[in-house]
Amino acid sequence: MRRWVLALLTTTALAAVAAPPLPAVPKAKPGTQCVEDPADMRRYHMEYLKHQRDATVHGGIRGAKHSLKDCVACHATTASGSVSAQQGDFCQACHQYAAVKIDCFECHTGKPGTAVAKGTP
């Protein structure tokens, strides 16, 4: 009986320690609605962005439903005016939590209303 209680307490303690806190993700611009369900966007946003990238590059289709520019326009934080400039910004919050490097903004801007690619006047 003692071993069972000890095992239960140890398992419970480990479970409490093992669960990392979720990232603090800033809210989108007030009065806006995401183009997809938030749970769906969390899981598939990169697939949507890749599909939109292909449509833009190969088909010349810009400003469609899953436009990176529109995502940035809604999700840029008021603190930095960006989705990726600071640790707590929208994209940075989740990508840091998941240990995923963001390379979108090496070429594209993380701020709304500015040039979309490096070298663009």
N, C-alpha and C. Protein backbone atom coordinates (compact mmCIF):
# COMPACT_ATOMS: atom_id res chain seq x y z
N MET A 1 0.83 -1.19 0.00
CA MET A 1 0.00 0.00 0.00
C MET A 1 0.87 1.26 0.00
N ARG A 2 1.94 1.24 0.79
CA ARG A 2 2.82 2.40 0.87
C ARG A 2 3.46 2.68 -0.50
N ARG A 3 3.87 1.63 -1.19
CA ARG A 3 4.49 1.81 -2.51
C ARG A 3 3.49 2.41 -3.50
N TRP A 4 2.26 1.97 -3.43
CA TRP A 4 1.23 2.48 -4.32
C TRP A 4 1.00 3.98 -4.08
N VAL A 5 0.91 4.38 -2.83
CA VAL A 5 0.72 5.79 -2.48
C VAL A 5 1.93 6.61 -2.91
N LEU A 6 3.12 6.08 -2.66
CA LEU A 6 4.35 6.77 -3.04
C LEU A 6 4.42 6.93 -4.57
N ALA A 7 4.08 5.88 -5.30
CA ALA A 7 4.08 5.93 -6.76
C ALA A 7 3.06 6.95 -7.26
N LEU A 8 1.89 6.98 -6.66
CA LEU A 8 0.85 7.93 -7.05
C LEU A 8 1.30 9.36 -6.80
N LEU A 9 1.87 9.62 -5.64
CA LEU A 9 2.35 10.97 -5.32
C LEU A 9 3.49 11.39 -6.24
N THR A 10 4.40 10.49 -6.54
CA THR A 10 5.52 10.79 -7.42
C THR A 10 5.02 11.10 -8.82
N THR A 11 4.10 10.30 -9.33
CA THR A 11 3.55 10.51 -10.67
C THR A 11 2.81 11.84 -10.74
N THR A 12 2.04 12.15 -9.73
CA THR A 12 1.30 13.41 -9.69
C THR A 12 2.26 14.59 -9.64
N ALA A 13 3.30 14.50 -8.84
CA ALA A 13 4.28 15.57 -8.74
C ALA A 13 5.01 15.76 -10.06
N LEU A 14 5.40 14.68 -10.72
CA LEU A 14 6.08 14.78 -12.00
C LEU A 14 5.17 15.37 -13.07
N ALA A 15 3.92 15.00 -13.06
CA ALA A 15 2.97 15.53 -14.04
C ALA A 15 2.81 17.04 -13.88
N ALA A 16 2.79 17.50 -12.64
CA ALA A 16 2.64 18.93 -12.38
C ALA A 16 3.89 19.69 -12.82
N VAL A 17 5.05 19.10 -12.66
CA VAL A 17 6.30 19.75 -13.04
C VAL A 17 6.50 19.68 -14.55
N ALA A 18 6.09 18.60 -15.19
CA ALA A 18 6.36 18.37 -16.60
C ALA A 18 5.55 19.26 -17.54
N ALA A 19 4.43 19.79 -17.09
CA ALA A 19 3.59 20.60 -17.96
C ALA A 19 4.12 22.03 -18.02
N PRO A 20 4.75 22.42 -19.15
CA PRO A 20 5.26 23.79 -19.25
C PRO A 20 4.11 24.78 -19.42
N PRO A 21 4.31 26.00 -18.99
CA PRO A 21 3.25 27.00 -19.18
C PRO A 21 3.10 27.31 -20.66
N LEU A 22 1.87 27.56 -21.07
CA LEU A 22 1.60 27.90 -22.47
C LEU A 22 2.10 29.32 -22.75
N PRO A 23 2.44 29.61 -24.00
CA PRO A 23 2.93 30.96 -24.30
C PRO A 23 1.82 31.99 -24.16
N ALA A 24 2.21 33.20 -23.80
CA ALA A 24 1.26 34.31 -23.72
C ALA A 24 1.19 34.94 -25.10
N VAL A 25 0.15 34.61 -25.85
CA VAL A 25 0.01 35.10 -27.22
C VAL A 25 -0.86 36.35 -27.22
N PRO A 26 -0.35 37.46 -27.75
CA PRO A 26 -1.16 38.68 -27.80
C PRO A 26 -2.41 38.50 -28.66
N LYS A 27 -3.46 39.20 -28.30
CA LYS A 27 -4.71 39.15 -29.06
C LYS A 27 -4.55 39.89 -30.39
N ALA A 28 -5.37 39.50 -31.35
CA ALA A 28 -5.40 40.17 -32.65
C ALA A 28 -6.04 41.55 -32.51
N LYS A 29 -5.99 42.31 -33.58
CA LYS A 29 -6.58 43.64 -33.58
C LYS A 29 -8.06 43.54 -33.21
N PRO A 30 -8.54 44.37 -32.27
CA PRO A 30 -9.95 44.31 -31.86
C PRO A 30 -10.90 44.51 -33.04
N GLY A 31 -12.00 43.76 -33.01
CA GLY A 31 -13.02 43.87 -34.04
C GLY A 31 -12.73 43.09 -35.30
N THR A 32 -11.69 42.25 -35.27
CA THR A 32 -11.36 41.46 -36.45
C THR A 32 -11.69 39.99 -36.20
N GLN A 33 -11.83 39.27 -37.28
CA GLN A 33 -12.11 37.84 -37.21
C GLN A 33 -11.08 37.13 -38.08
N CYS A 34 -10.47 36.09 -37.56
CA CYS A 34 -9.47 35.34 -38.32
C CYS A 34 -10.13 34.64 -39.50
N VAL A 35 -9.35 34.40 -40.55
CA VAL A 35 -9.88 33.76 -41.75
C VAL A 35 -10.18 32.28 -41.53
N GLU A 36 -9.64 31.70 -40.48
CA GLU A 36 -9.89 30.30 -40.12
C GLU A 36 -10.11 30.22 -38.61
N ASP A 37 -10.63 29.11 -38.16
CA ASP A 37 -10.79 28.86 -36.74
C ASP A 37 -9.41 28.92 -36.06
N PRO A 38 -9.28 29.59 -34.91
CA PRO A 38 -7.97 29.71 -34.25
C PRO A 38 -7.24 28.38 -34.03
N ALA A 39 -7.96 27.33 -33.64
CA ALA A 39 -7.31 26.03 -33.44
C ALA A 39 -6.75 25.50 -34.76
N ASP A 40 -7.49 25.71 -35.84
CA ASP A 40 -7.04 25.29 -37.16
C ASP A 40 -5.81 26.10 -37.58
N MET A 41 -5.83 27.40 -37.32
CA MET A 41 -4.69 28.25 -37.68
C MET A 41 -3.44 27.85 -36.90
N ARG A 42 -3.59 27.53 -35.62
CA ARG A 42 -2.44 27.12 -34.82
C ARG A 42 -1.76 25.90 -35.43
N ARG A 43 -2.56 24.99 -35.92
CA ARG A 43 -2.01 23.73 -36.45
C ARG A 43 -1.54 23.84 -37.89
N TYR A 44 -2.27 24.57 -38.73
CA TYR A 44 -2.01 24.54 -40.17
C TYR A 44 -1.56 25.86 -40.78
N HIS A 45 -1.23 26.87 -39.97
CA HIS A 45 -0.91 28.17 -40.56
C HIS A 45 0.23 28.10 -41.57
N MET A 46 1.22 27.26 -41.32
CA MET A 46 2.33 27.18 -42.26
C MET A 46 1.90 26.57 -43.59
N GLU A 47 1.00 25.61 -43.55
CA GLU A 47 0.48 25.04 -44.81
C GLU A 47 -0.28 26.09 -45.60
N TYR A 48 -1.09 26.89 -44.91
CA TYR A 48 -1.83 27.96 -45.59
C TYR A 48 -0.87 28.97 -46.21
N LEU A 49 0.16 29.34 -45.46
CA LEU A 49 1.12 30.31 -45.97
C LEU A 49 1.91 29.76 -47.16
N LYS A 50 2.28 28.49 -47.11
CA LYS A 50 3.00 27.88 -48.24
C LYS A 50 2.11 27.84 -49.48
N HIS A 51 0.85 27.48 -49.29
CA HIS A 51 -0.09 27.43 -50.42
C HIS A 51 -0.26 28.83 -51.02
N GLN A 52 -0.41 29.83 -50.15
CA GLN A 52 -0.57 31.20 -50.63
C GLN A 52 0.70 31.67 -51.32
N ARG A 53 1.86 31.30 -50.78
CA ARG A 53 3.13 31.66 -51.41
C ARG A 53 3.19 31.11 -52.84
N ASP A 54 2.82 29.85 -53.00
CA ASP A 54 2.85 29.24 -54.33
C ASP A 54 1.87 29.93 -55.28
N ALA A 55 0.70 30.26 -54.78
CA ALA A 55 -0.30 30.94 -55.62
C ALA A 55 0.21 32.32 -56.03
N THR A 56 0.90 32.99 -55.12
CA THR A 56 1.43 34.33 -55.41
C THR A 56 2.60 34.26 -56.38
N VAL A 57 3.55 33.39 -56.09
CA VAL A 57 4.75 33.31 -56.92
C VAL A 57 4.45 32.75 -58.31
N HIS A 58 3.68 31.68 -58.37
CA HIS A 58 3.43 31.02 -59.65
C HIS A 58 2.22 31.58 -60.40
N GLY A 59 1.22 32.06 -59.67
CA GLY A 59 0.00 32.52 -60.32
C GLY A 59 -0.22 34.02 -60.25
N GLY A 60 0.64 34.74 -59.51
CA GLY A 60 0.48 36.18 -59.40
C GLY A 60 -0.71 36.61 -58.56
N ILE A 61 -1.26 35.69 -57.76
CA ILE A 61 -2.44 35.98 -56.94
C ILE A 61 -1.99 36.59 -55.62
N ARG A 62 -2.33 37.85 -55.42
CA ARG A 62 -1.95 38.56 -54.19
C ARG A 62 -3.21 38.95 -53.41
N GLY A 63 -3.03 39.15 -52.10
CA GLY A 63 -4.13 39.62 -51.27
C GLY A 63 -5.24 38.61 -51.09
N ALA A 64 -4.95 37.34 -51.24
CA ALA A 64 -5.97 36.30 -51.09
C ALA A 64 -6.20 35.99 -49.61
N LYS A 65 -7.00 35.00 -49.34
CA LYS A 65 -7.46 34.67 -47.99
C LYS A 65 -6.34 34.46 -46.97
N HIS A 66 -5.24 33.82 -47.35
CA HIS A 66 -4.18 33.50 -46.39
C HIS A 66 -2.92 34.33 -46.64
N SER A 67 -3.10 35.60 -46.88
CA SER A 67 -2.00 36.50 -47.17
C SER A 67 -1.19 36.80 -45.91
N LEU A 68 0.13 36.66 -45.99
CA LEU A 68 1.01 36.97 -44.86
C LEU A 68 0.86 38.44 -44.47
N LYS A 69 0.70 39.30 -45.46
CA LYS A 69 0.53 40.74 -45.21
C LYS A 69 -0.70 41.00 -44.33
N ASP A 70 -1.81 40.29 -44.61
CA ASP A 70 -3.02 40.47 -43.81
C ASP A 70 -2.85 39.91 -42.40
N CYS A 71 -2.12 38.81 -42.27
CA CYS A 71 -1.85 38.25 -40.94
C CYS A 71 -1.09 39.27 -40.09
N VAL A 72 -0.06 39.85 -40.68
CA VAL A 72 0.76 40.84 -39.98
C VAL A 72 -0.09 42.06 -39.60
N ALA A 73 -0.97 42.49 -40.51
CA ALA A 73 -1.80 43.67 -40.25
C ALA A 73 -2.69 43.48 -39.02
N CYS A 74 -3.19 42.25 -38.79
CA CYS A 74 -4.06 41.99 -37.64
C CYS A 74 -3.30 41.64 -36.36
N HIS A 75 -2.15 41.02 -36.51
CA HIS A 75 -1.48 40.46 -35.34
C HIS A 75 -0.26 41.22 -34.84
N ALA A 76 0.10 42.32 -35.47
CA ALA A 76 1.21 43.12 -34.97
C ALA A 76 0.85 43.69 -33.60
N THR A 77 1.75 43.56 -32.65
CA THR A 77 1.47 44.05 -31.30
C THR A 77 1.65 45.56 -31.23
N THR A 78 0.96 46.19 -30.30
CA THR A 78 1.08 47.63 -30.15
C THR A 78 2.42 48.01 -29.53
N ALA A 79 3.02 47.12 -28.75
CA ALA A 79 4.30 47.43 -28.11
C ALA A 79 5.42 47.65 -29.11
N SER A 80 5.53 46.77 -30.11
CA SER A 80 6.62 46.88 -31.08
C SER A 80 6.14 47.23 -32.48
N GLY A 81 4.83 47.12 -32.72
CA GLY A 81 4.30 47.35 -34.06
C GLY A 81 4.67 46.25 -35.03
N SER A 82 5.00 45.07 -34.49
CA SER A 82 5.49 43.96 -35.31
C SER A 82 4.96 42.63 -34.78
N VAL A 83 5.09 41.59 -35.60
CA VAL A 83 4.74 40.23 -35.15
C VAL A 83 5.98 39.45 -34.75
N SER A 84 7.17 40.04 -35.02
CA SER A 84 8.38 39.26 -34.80
C SER A 84 9.58 40.02 -34.24
N ALA A 85 9.42 41.28 -33.91
CA ALA A 85 10.57 42.09 -33.47
C ALA A 85 11.02 41.76 -32.05
N GLN A 86 10.09 41.47 -31.16
CA GLN A 86 10.41 41.22 -29.76
C GLN A 86 9.93 39.84 -29.34
N GLN A 87 10.45 39.40 -28.22
CA GLN A 87 10.15 38.06 -27.70
C GLN A 87 8.66 37.81 -27.50
N GLY A 88 7.89 38.78 -27.04
CA GLY A 88 6.48 38.58 -26.77
C GLY A 88 5.55 38.86 -27.94
N ASP A 89 6.10 39.22 -29.10
CA ASP A 89 5.27 39.49 -30.27
C ASP A 89 4.54 38.23 -30.72
N PHE A 90 3.49 38.42 -31.50
CA PHE A 90 2.57 37.33 -31.86
C PHE A 90 3.28 36.08 -32.37
N CYS A 91 4.04 36.19 -33.42
CA CYS A 91 4.71 35.00 -34.00
C CYS A 91 5.81 34.49 -33.07
N GLN A 92 6.56 35.41 -32.49
CA GLN A 92 7.67 35.02 -31.61
C GLN A 92 7.20 34.22 -30.40
N ALA A 93 6.06 34.58 -29.84
CA ALA A 93 5.57 33.91 -28.63
C ALA A 93 5.44 32.40 -28.83
N CYS A 94 4.76 31.99 -29.88
CA CYS A 94 4.56 30.55 -30.12
C CYS A 94 5.80 29.87 -30.68
N HIS A 95 6.49 30.54 -31.59
CA HIS A 95 7.66 29.90 -32.19
C HIS A 95 8.77 29.69 -31.18
N GLN A 96 8.93 30.60 -30.26
CA GLN A 96 9.93 30.40 -29.22
C GLN A 96 9.51 29.24 -28.32
N TYR A 97 8.24 29.19 -27.96
CA TYR A 97 7.71 28.10 -27.13
C TYR A 97 7.93 26.74 -27.80
N ALA A 98 7.71 26.68 -29.10
CA ALA A 98 7.84 25.42 -29.84
C ALA A 98 9.26 25.17 -30.34
N ALA A 99 10.19 26.10 -30.06
CA ALA A 99 11.58 26.00 -30.50
C ALA A 99 11.67 25.87 -32.02
N VAL A 100 10.89 26.73 -32.71
CA VAL A 100 10.88 26.73 -34.18
C VAL A 100 11.41 28.09 -34.65
N LYS A 101 12.40 28.07 -35.53
CA LYS A 101 12.98 29.29 -36.06
C LYS A 101 12.03 29.89 -37.11
N ILE A 102 11.80 31.17 -37.00
CA ILE A 102 10.99 31.88 -37.99
C ILE A 102 11.94 32.47 -39.02
N ASP A 103 11.78 32.08 -40.29
CA ASP A 103 12.63 32.68 -41.32
C ASP A 103 11.83 33.52 -42.31
N CYS A 104 10.54 33.65 -42.10
CA CYS A 104 9.68 34.45 -43.00
C CYS A 104 10.17 35.90 -43.06
N PHE A 105 10.56 36.41 -41.89
CA PHE A 105 10.84 37.83 -41.78
C PHE A 105 12.29 38.18 -42.07
N GLU A 106 13.03 37.21 -42.59
CA GLU A 106 14.34 37.53 -43.12
C GLU A 106 14.17 38.25 -44.46
N CYS A 107 13.09 37.96 -45.16
CA CYS A 107 12.78 38.63 -46.43
C CYS A 107 11.55 39.52 -46.33
N HIS A 108 10.55 39.09 -45.57
CA HIS A 108 9.29 39.82 -45.46
C HIS A 108 9.28 40.64 -44.19
N THR A 109 8.56 41.73 -44.21
CA THR A 109 8.48 42.58 -43.04
C THR A 109 7.51 42.02 -42.01
N GLY A 110 7.81 42.22 -40.75
CA GLY A 110 6.92 41.80 -39.67
C GLY A 110 6.04 42.93 -39.20
N LYS A 111 6.11 44.08 -39.92
CA LYS A 111 5.32 45.26 -39.55
C LYS A 111 4.29 45.55 -40.63
N PRO A 112 3.09 45.93 -40.24
CA PRO A 112 2.07 46.24 -41.24
C PRO A 112 2.34 47.57 -41.95
N GLY A 113 1.91 47.62 -43.21
CA GLY A 113 1.95 48.87 -43.95
C GLY A 113 3.33 49.30 -44.42
N THR A 114 4.31 48.39 -44.43
CA THR A 114 5.63 48.72 -44.94
C THR A 114 5.94 47.82 -46.12
N ALA A 115 7.09 48.02 -46.73
CA ALA A 115 7.47 47.21 -47.90
C ALA A 115 7.47 45.74 -47.55
N VAL A 116 7.07 44.90 -48.49
CA VAL A 116 6.90 43.47 -48.23
C VAL A 116 8.20 42.70 -48.31
N ALA A 117 9.11 43.07 -49.17
CA ALA A 117 10.36 42.30 -49.31
C ALA A 117 11.57 43.20 -49.17
N LYS A 118 12.69 42.61 -48.79
CA LYS A 118 13.94 43.35 -48.70
C LYS A 118 14.25 43.96 -50.06
N GLY A 119 14.79 45.13 -50.06
CA GLY A 119 15.18 45.75 -51.31
C GLY A 119 14.03 46.45 -52.03
N THR A 120 12.82 46.31 -51.49
CA THR A 120 11.67 46.99 -52.11
C THR A 120 11.65 48.44 -51.66
N PRO A 121 11.58 49.39 -52.57
CA PRO A 121 11.61 50.80 -52.19
C PRO A 121 10.39 51.20 -51.38
